[in-house]
C-alpha atoms as a PDB file:
ATOM      1  CA  PRO A   1      17.004  22.209 -70.048  1.00  0.00           C
ATOM      2  CA  HIS A   2      19.470  24.473 -67.844  1.00  0.00           C
ATOM      3  CA  PRO A   3      21.655  26.951 -69.075  1.00  0.00           C
ATOM      4  CA  LEU A   4      24.466  26.249 -67.364  1.00  0.00           C
ATOM      5  CA  ASP A   5      24.211  23.401 -69.415  1.00  0.00           C
ATOM      6  CA  TYR A   6      24.003  25.609 -72.453  1.00  0.00           C
ATOM      7  CA  ASP A   7      20.998  23.520 -73.295  1.00  0.00           C
ATOM      8  CA  TRP A   8      18.500  24.427 -75.840  1.00  0.00           C
ATOM      9  CA  ARG A   9      16.537  21.836 -77.918  1.00  0.00           C
ATOM     10  CA  PHE A  10      15.822  21.254 -81.765  1.00  0.00           C
ATOM     11  CA  SER A  11      12.340  21.894 -82.403  1.00  0.00           C
ATOM     12  CA  PRO A  12      10.394  18.841 -83.757  1.00  0.00           C
ATOM     13  CA  LYS A  13      10.689  20.293 -87.110  1.00  0.00           C
ATOM     14  CA  ALA A  14      14.519  20.504 -86.811  1.00  0.00           C
ATOM     15  CA  VAL A  15      14.595  16.882 -85.402  1.00  0.00           C
ATOM     16  CA  GLU A  16      12.757  15.751 -88.648  1.00  0.00           C
ATOM     17  CA  GLN A  17      14.956  17.569 -90.787  1.00  0.00           C
ATOM     18  CA  LEU A  18      18.303  16.254 -88.883  1.00  0.00           C
ATOM     19  CA  LEU A  19      17.038  12.459 -89.122  1.00  0.00           C
ATOM     20  CA  ARG A  20      16.182  12.435 -92.376  1.00  0.00           C
ATOM     21  CA  HIS A  21      19.953  13.681 -93.364  1.00  0.00           C
ATOM     22  CA  CYS A  22      21.242  11.074 -91.066  1.00  0.00           C
ATOM     23  CA  ILE A  23      19.269   8.365 -92.818  1.00  0.00           C
ATOM     24  CA  LYS A  24      20.257   9.412 -96.053  1.00  0.00           C
ATOM     25  CA  ALA A  25      23.681   9.957 -95.365  1.00  0.00           C
ATOM     26  CA  SER A  26      24.521   6.751 -92.971  1.00  0.00           C
ATOM     27  CA  PRO A  27      24.796   3.472 -94.566  1.00  0.00           C
ATOM     28  CA  VAL A  28      22.625   0.240 -93.082  1.00  0.00           C
ATOM     29  CA  ASN A  29      23.743  -1.072 -89.783  1.00  0.00           C
ATOM     30  CA  GLY A  30      26.349   2.077 -90.053  1.00  0.00           C
ATOM     31  CA  THR A  31      26.870   4.435 -86.671  1.00  0.00           C
ATOM     32  CA  ILE A  32      25.502   8.164 -85.997  1.00  0.00           C
ATOM     33  CA  ALA A  33      27.302   9.743 -83.305  1.00  0.00           C
ATOM     34  CA  LEU A  34      25.472  12.701 -81.537  1.00  0.00           C
ATOM     35  CA  LEU A  35      27.589  15.150 -79.827  1.00  0.00           C
ATOM     36  CA  GLY A  36      25.206  17.365 -77.042  1.00  0.00           C
ATOM     37  CA  THR A  37      21.891  16.814 -79.491  1.00  0.00           C
ATOM     38  CA  PRO A  38      20.285  14.231 -76.786  1.00  0.00           C
ATOM     39  CA  SER A  39      17.097  15.493 -78.993  1.00  0.00           C
ATOM     40  CA  LEU A  40      18.380  13.296 -81.538  1.00  0.00           C
ATOM     41  CA  VAL A  41      18.672  10.093 -80.095  1.00  0.00           C
ATOM     42  CA  GLN A  42      15.084   8.499 -79.262  1.00  0.00           C
ATOM     43  CA  PRO A  43      14.098   9.528 -82.988  1.00  0.00           C
ATOM     44  CA  LEU A  44      16.868   7.323 -84.574  1.00  0.00           C
ATOM     45  CA  ALA A  45      16.064   4.613 -81.794  1.00  0.00           C
ATOM     46  CA  ASN A  46      12.293   4.512 -82.940  1.00  0.00           C
ATOM     47  CA  SER A  47      12.715   4.852 -86.619  1.00  0.00           C
ATOM     48  CA  SER A  48      12.728   1.913 -88.540  1.00  0.00           C
ATOM     49  CA  TYR A  49      16.274   2.478 -89.956  1.00  0.00           C
ATOM     50  CA  PRO A  50      18.892  -0.086 -89.011  1.00  0.00           C
ATOM     51  CA  CYS A  51      21.865   1.849 -87.305  1.00  0.00           C
ATOM     52  CA  HIS A  52      23.497   2.476 -83.959  1.00  0.00           C
ATOM     53  CA  THR A  53      23.640   5.360 -82.067  1.00  0.00           C
ATOM     54  CA  VAL A  54      25.873   7.088 -79.754  1.00  0.00           C
ATOM     55  CA  LEU A  55      24.987  10.342 -77.620  1.00  0.00           C
ATOM     56  CA  LEU A  56      28.540  11.857 -76.597  1.00  0.00           C
ATOM     57  CA  ASP A  57      27.339  14.465 -73.429  1.00  0.00           C
ATOM     58  CA  SER A  58      28.162  16.004 -69.980  1.00  0.00           C
ATOM     59  CA  ASN A  59      24.921  16.141 -69.292  1.00  0.00           C
ATOM     60  CA  TYR A  60      24.115  13.552 -66.674  1.00  0.00           C
ATOM     61  CA  ALA A  61      20.152  14.158 -66.548  1.00  0.00           C
ATOM     62  CA  ALA A  62      20.205  14.246 -70.519  1.00  0.00           C
ATOM     63  CA  ARG A  63      22.043  10.605 -70.954  1.00  0.00           C
ATOM     64  CA  SER A  64      19.614   8.696 -67.809  1.00  0.00           C
ATOM     65  CA  HIS A  65      16.824   9.695 -69.112  1.00  0.00           C
ATOM     66  CA  LEU A  66      18.068   7.631 -72.690  1.00  0.00           C
ATOM     67  CA  LYS A  67      18.098   4.291 -70.397  1.00  0.00           C
ATOM     68  CA  GLY A  68      16.004   1.729 -72.151  1.00  0.00           C
ATOM     69  CA  LEU A  69      16.276   2.490 -75.721  1.00  0.00           C
ATOM     70  CA  GLY A  70      17.877  -1.245 -76.707  1.00  0.00           C
ATOM     71  CA  THR A  71      21.596  -2.102 -77.884  1.00  0.00           C
ATOM     72  CA  ARG A  72      21.394  -0.462 -80.514  1.00  0.00           C
ATOM     73  CA  VAL A  73      21.681   2.610 -78.596  1.00  0.00           C
ATOM     74  CA  ARG A  74      24.456   4.103 -76.024  1.00  0.00           C
ATOM     75  CA  ALA A  75      25.007   7.251 -74.066  1.00  0.00           C
ATOM     76  CA  LEU A  76      28.467   7.625 -73.441  1.00  0.00           C
ATOM     77  CA  THR A  77      29.613  10.828 -70.533  1.00  0.00           C
ATOM     78  CA  HIS A  78      31.774  13.151 -72.044  1.00  0.00           C
ATOM     79  CA  ASN A  79      33.029  16.667 -71.718  1.00  0.00           C
ATOM     80  CA  LEU A  80      33.846  17.536 -75.489  1.00  0.00           C
ATOM     81  CA  LEU A  81      36.039  20.353 -74.257  1.00  0.00           C
ATOM     82  CA  GLU A  82      38.463  18.517 -72.082  1.00  0.00           C
ATOM     83  CA  ASP A  83      37.840  14.615 -72.456  1.00  0.00           C
ATOM     84  CA  LEU A  84      39.808  12.772 -75.361  1.00  0.00           C
ATOM     85  CA  PRO A  85      37.336  10.978 -78.006  1.00  0.00           C
ATOM     86  CA  PRO A  86      35.896   7.608 -77.410  1.00  0.00           C
ATOM     87  CA  ASN A  87      36.990   4.791 -79.422  1.00  0.00           C
ATOM     88  CA  VAL A  88      34.173   5.201 -81.374  1.00  0.00           C
ATOM     89  CA  PHE A  89      33.704   5.149 -85.518  1.00  0.00           C
ATOM     90  CA  ALA A  90      31.242   7.051 -86.717  1.00  0.00           C
ATOM     91  CA  ASP A  91      29.586   6.808 -90.567  1.00  0.00           C
ATOM     92  CA  THR A  92      27.792  10.388 -89.221  1.00  0.00           C
ATOM     93  CA  VAL A  93      28.340  12.746 -86.784  1.00  0.00           C
ATOM     94  CA  VAL A  94      25.692  15.416 -85.471  1.00  0.00           C
ATOM     95  CA  LEU A  95      26.819  17.752 -83.392  1.00  0.00           C
ATOM     96  CA  ASP A  96      25.165  21.301 -81.707  1.00  0.00           C
ATOM     97  CA  PRO A  97      27.656  22.999 -79.652  1.00  0.00           C
ATOM     98  CA  PRO A  98      27.226  26.247 -77.363  1.00  0.00           C
ATOM     99  CA  TRP A  99      27.710  29.544 -79.427  1.00  0.00           C
ATOM    100  CA  TYR A 100      31.201  30.078 -78.504  1.00  0.00           C
ATOM    101  CA  PRO A 101      34.767  29.579 -80.709  1.00  0.00           C
ATOM    102  CA  GLU A 102      36.311  27.478 -78.058  1.00  0.00           C
ATOM    103  CA  HIS A 103      33.584  25.322 -78.373  1.00  0.00           C
ATOM    104  CA  PHE A 104      33.029  25.350 -81.807  1.00  0.00           C
ATOM    105  CA  ARG A 105      36.667  24.327 -82.344  1.00  0.00           C
ATOM    106  CA  SER A 106      36.390  21.292 -80.123  1.00  0.00           C
ATOM    107  CA  PHE A 107      33.572  19.801 -81.372  1.00  0.00           C
ATOM    108  CA  LEU A 108      34.613  19.718 -84.778  1.00  0.00           C
ATOM    109  CA  TRP A 109      37.798  18.385 -83.784  1.00  0.00           C
ATOM    110  CA  SER A 110      36.116  15.734 -81.895  1.00  0.00           C
ATOM    111  CA  ALA A 111      34.008  15.096 -84.741  1.00  0.00           C
ATOM    112  CA  SER A 112      36.526  14.609 -87.311  1.00  0.00           C
ATOM    113  CA  GLN A 113      38.150  11.743 -84.834  1.00  0.00           C
ATOM    114  CA  LEU A 114      35.164  10.068 -84.449  1.00  0.00           C
ATOM    115  CA  CYS A 115      34.350  10.205 -88.361  1.00  0.00           C
ATOM    116  CA  ASN A 116      35.441   7.775 -90.674  1.00  0.00           C
ATOM    117  CA  VAL A 117      36.955   8.929 -94.331  1.00  0.00           C
ATOM    118  CA  ASN A 118      34.008   9.746 -96.596  1.00  0.00           C
ATOM    119  CA  GLY A 119      31.893  10.280 -93.786  1.00  0.00           C
ATOM    120  CA  TYR A 120      29.371  13.231 -92.950  1.00  0.00           C
ATOM    121  CA  ILE A 121      29.242  15.757 -90.453  1.00  0.00           C
ATOM    122  CA  PHE A 122      26.175  17.740 -89.876  1.00  0.00           C
ATOM    123  CA  ALA A 123      27.222  21.187 -87.898  1.00  0.00           C
ATOM    124  CA  SER A 124      24.405  23.633 -85.773  1.00  0.00           C
ATOM    125  CA  LEU A 125      26.101  27.213 -86.131  1.00  0.00           C
ATOM    126  CA  PRO A 126      25.534  30.555 -85.187  1.00  0.00           C
ATOM    127  CA  PRO A 127      24.302  32.696 -88.415  1.00  0.00           C
ATOM    128  CA  ILE A 128      25.387  36.532 -88.928  1.00  0.00           C
ATOM    129  CA  GLY A 129      24.001  38.568 -87.159  1.00  0.00           C
ATOM    130  CA  THR A 130      23.919  36.311 -83.703  1.00  0.00           C
ATOM    131  CA  ARG A 131      26.689  38.691 -82.436  1.00  0.00           C
ATOM    132  CA  PRO A 132      29.353  41.392 -83.683  1.00  0.00           C
ATOM    133  CA  GLY A 133      32.433  39.356 -84.747  1.00  0.00           C
ATOM    134  CA  ILE A 134      30.236  36.311 -85.333  1.00  0.00           C
ATOM    135  CA  GLN A 135      32.027  36.475 -89.068  1.00  0.00           C
ATOM    136  CA  ASP A 136      35.419  36.242 -88.484  1.00  0.00           C
ATOM    137  CA  GLU A 137      34.311  33.355 -85.926  1.00  0.00           C
ATOM    138  CA  TRP A 138      32.762  31.562 -88.662  1.00  0.00           C
ATOM    139  CA  ASN A 139      35.922  31.951 -90.707  1.00  0.00           C
ATOM    140  CA  LYS A 140      38.098  30.893 -88.449  1.00  0.00           C
ATOM    141  CA  THR A 141      35.556  27.443 -88.166  1.00  0.00           C
ATOM    142  CA  LEU A 142      36.470  26.736 -91.519  1.00  0.00           C
ATOM    143  CA  ALA A 143      39.999  27.081 -91.262  1.00  0.00           C
ATOM    144  CA  SER A 144      39.645  24.603 -88.250  1.00  0.00           C
ATOM    145  CA  ALA A 145      37.841  22.240 -90.666  1.00  0.00           C
ATOM    146  CA  HIS A 146      39.992  22.064 -93.546  1.00  0.00           C
ATOM    147  CA  LEU A 147      42.843  21.643 -90.963  1.00  0.00           C
ATOM    148  CA  PHE A 148      41.076  18.992 -89.521  1.00  0.00           C
ATOM    149  CA  GLY A 149      40.558  17.369 -92.980  1.00  0.00           C
ATOM    150  CA  LEU A 150      36.549  18.189 -93.355  1.00  0.00           C
ATOM    151  CA  ARG A 151      35.311  19.930 -96.447  1.00  0.00           C
ATOM    152  CA  LEU A 152      32.596  22.238 -96.668  1.00  0.00           C
ATOM    153  CA  LEU A 153      29.719  20.867 -98.658  1.00  0.00           C
ATOM    154  CA  ASP A 154      26.709  22.950 -97.987  1.00  0.00           C
ATOM    155  CA  LEU A 155      25.658  25.781 -95.479  1.00  0.00           C
ATOM    156  CA  GLN A 156      21.805  25.887 -95.326  1.00  0.00           C
ATOM    157  CA  GLU A 157      20.983  29.332 -93.309  1.00  0.00           C
ATOM    158  CA  LEU A 158      19.241  29.573 -90.675  1.00  0.00           C
ATOM    159  CA  SER A 159      17.386  26.161 -91.205  1.00  0.00           C
ATOM    160  CA  LEU A 160      17.534  24.982 -88.197  1.00  0.00           C
ATOM    161  CA  SER A 161      15.018  26.035 -85.389  1.00  0.00           C
ATOM    162  CA  TYR A 162      15.140  25.526 -81.697  1.00  0.00           C
ATOM    163  CA  ILE A 163      12.442  24.767 -78.826  1.00  0.00           C
ATOM    164  CA  THR A 164      12.607  28.300 -76.244  1.00  0.00           C
ATOM    165  CA  PRO A 165      13.378  26.518 -72.803  1.00  0.00           C
ATOM    166  CA  PRO A 166      11.487  27.726 -70.111  1.00  0.00           C
ATOM    167  CA  PHE A 167      14.731  29.907 -68.456  1.00  0.00           C
ATOM    168  CA  GLU A 168      14.551  32.307 -71.584  1.00  0.00           C
ATOM    169  CA  LYS A 169      10.864  32.381 -71.657  1.00  0.00           C
ATOM    170  CA  ASN A 170      11.413  33.938 -68.201  1.00  0.00           C
ATOM    171  CA  GLY A 171      14.374  35.936 -68.989  1.00  0.00           C
ATOM    172  CA  PHE A 172      12.462  37.810 -71.764  1.00  0.00           C
ATOM    173  CA  ARG A 173       9.352  38.075 -68.959  1.00  0.00           C
ATOM    174  CA  PHE A 174      11.720  39.773 -66.765  1.00  0.00           C
ATOM    175  CA  GLU A 175      12.055  42.329 -69.445  1.00  0.00           C
ATOM    176  CA  GLY A 176       9.441  42.985 -70.469  1.00  0.00           C
ATOM    177  CA  ILE A 177       8.358  40.524 -73.167  1.00  0.00           C
ATOM    178  CA  PRO A 178       6.116  38.055 -72.351  1.00  0.00           C
ATOM    179  CA  ASP A 179       4.717  36.825 -75.839  1.00  0.00           C
ATOM    180  CA  VAL A 180       7.724  34.821 -77.705  1.00  0.00           C
ATOM    181  CA  SER A 181       7.527  32.762 -79.790  1.00  0.00           C
ATOM    182  CA  THR A 182       8.344  29.139 -79.110  1.00  0.00           C
ATOM    183  CA  ASN A 183      10.803  28.324 -81.619  1.00  0.00           C
ATOM    184  CA  TRP A 184      12.304  31.891 -82.806  1.00  0.00           C
ATOM    185  CA  ARG A 185      15.877  30.922 -82.454  1.00  0.00           C
ATOM    186  CA  ARG A 186      17.296  29.491 -85.690  1.00  0.00           C
ATOM    187  CA  GLY A 187      20.731  28.472 -86.188  1.00  0.00           C
ATOM    188  CA  ASN A 188      22.727  27.209 -89.305  1.00  0.00           C
ATOM    189  CA  LEU A 189      23.507  23.759 -90.699  1.00  0.00           C
ATOM    190  CA  ALA A 190      27.133  23.260 -92.098  1.00  0.00           C
ATOM    191  CA  ILE A 191      27.202  20.097 -94.012  1.00  0.00           C
ATOM    192  CA  PHE A 192      31.040  18.712 -93.576  1.00  0.00           C
ATOM    193  CA  ARG A 193      32.676  15.490 -95.384  1.00  0.00           C
ATOM    194  CA  LYS A 194      35.251  13.904 -93.769  1.00  0.00           C
ATOM    195  CA  GLU A 195      38.262  13.835 -96.737  1.00  0.00           C
ATOM    196  CA  LYS A 196      41.397  12.579 -95.395  1.00  0.00           C
ATOM    197  CA  ARG A 197      43.434  12.070 -92.269  1.00  0.00           C
ATOM    198  CA  THR A 198      45.175  14.963 -91.135  1.00  0.00           C
ATOM    199  CA  LEU A 199      48.111  15.563 -88.377  1.00  0.00           C
ATOM    200  CA  ALA A 200      45.346  17.668 -86.736  1.00  0.00           C
ATOM    201  CA  SER A 201      42.761  15.216 -86.825  1.00  0.00           C
END
């Protein structure tokens, strides 16, 4: 993981939680699209549930590590801030955008483009208290979701944990904080349903 890639990985517990959501929401032999969530690819590939997995990620190292997982897994080079969505039709989409407003909107728009009507979108987003103004950012994210034809079904606060990456541990040590929990960071899980196609999506 590297900070320039905004690369914080889900903890094993969060991976298991999202895996359950994906399997429950996806039809047999359906397609699950993963936007910036490489830590979910191998668990999905190793599961007994018959589904197709597509990873969209700009990090070449993350994609190349996933080679050899079988024909039901595809990893595509994709910059979600700049590139148009590929020709993928997904029943379920999982996204973990960097925690900045421009990324929220771009990732959510891409998810709405890829997701079939009546499909589900699972998004990791920063909790209230992450920084000043985060409540206003969340309100704008909800407004964008509505424009994209999405309806919020549930918001599970602080439910997704992350592994503290080496670069963050080093930063804490530099500031004199040597003993940081390996999974102190938490994100909210927002669950949306794609209800309709709109002009924005």
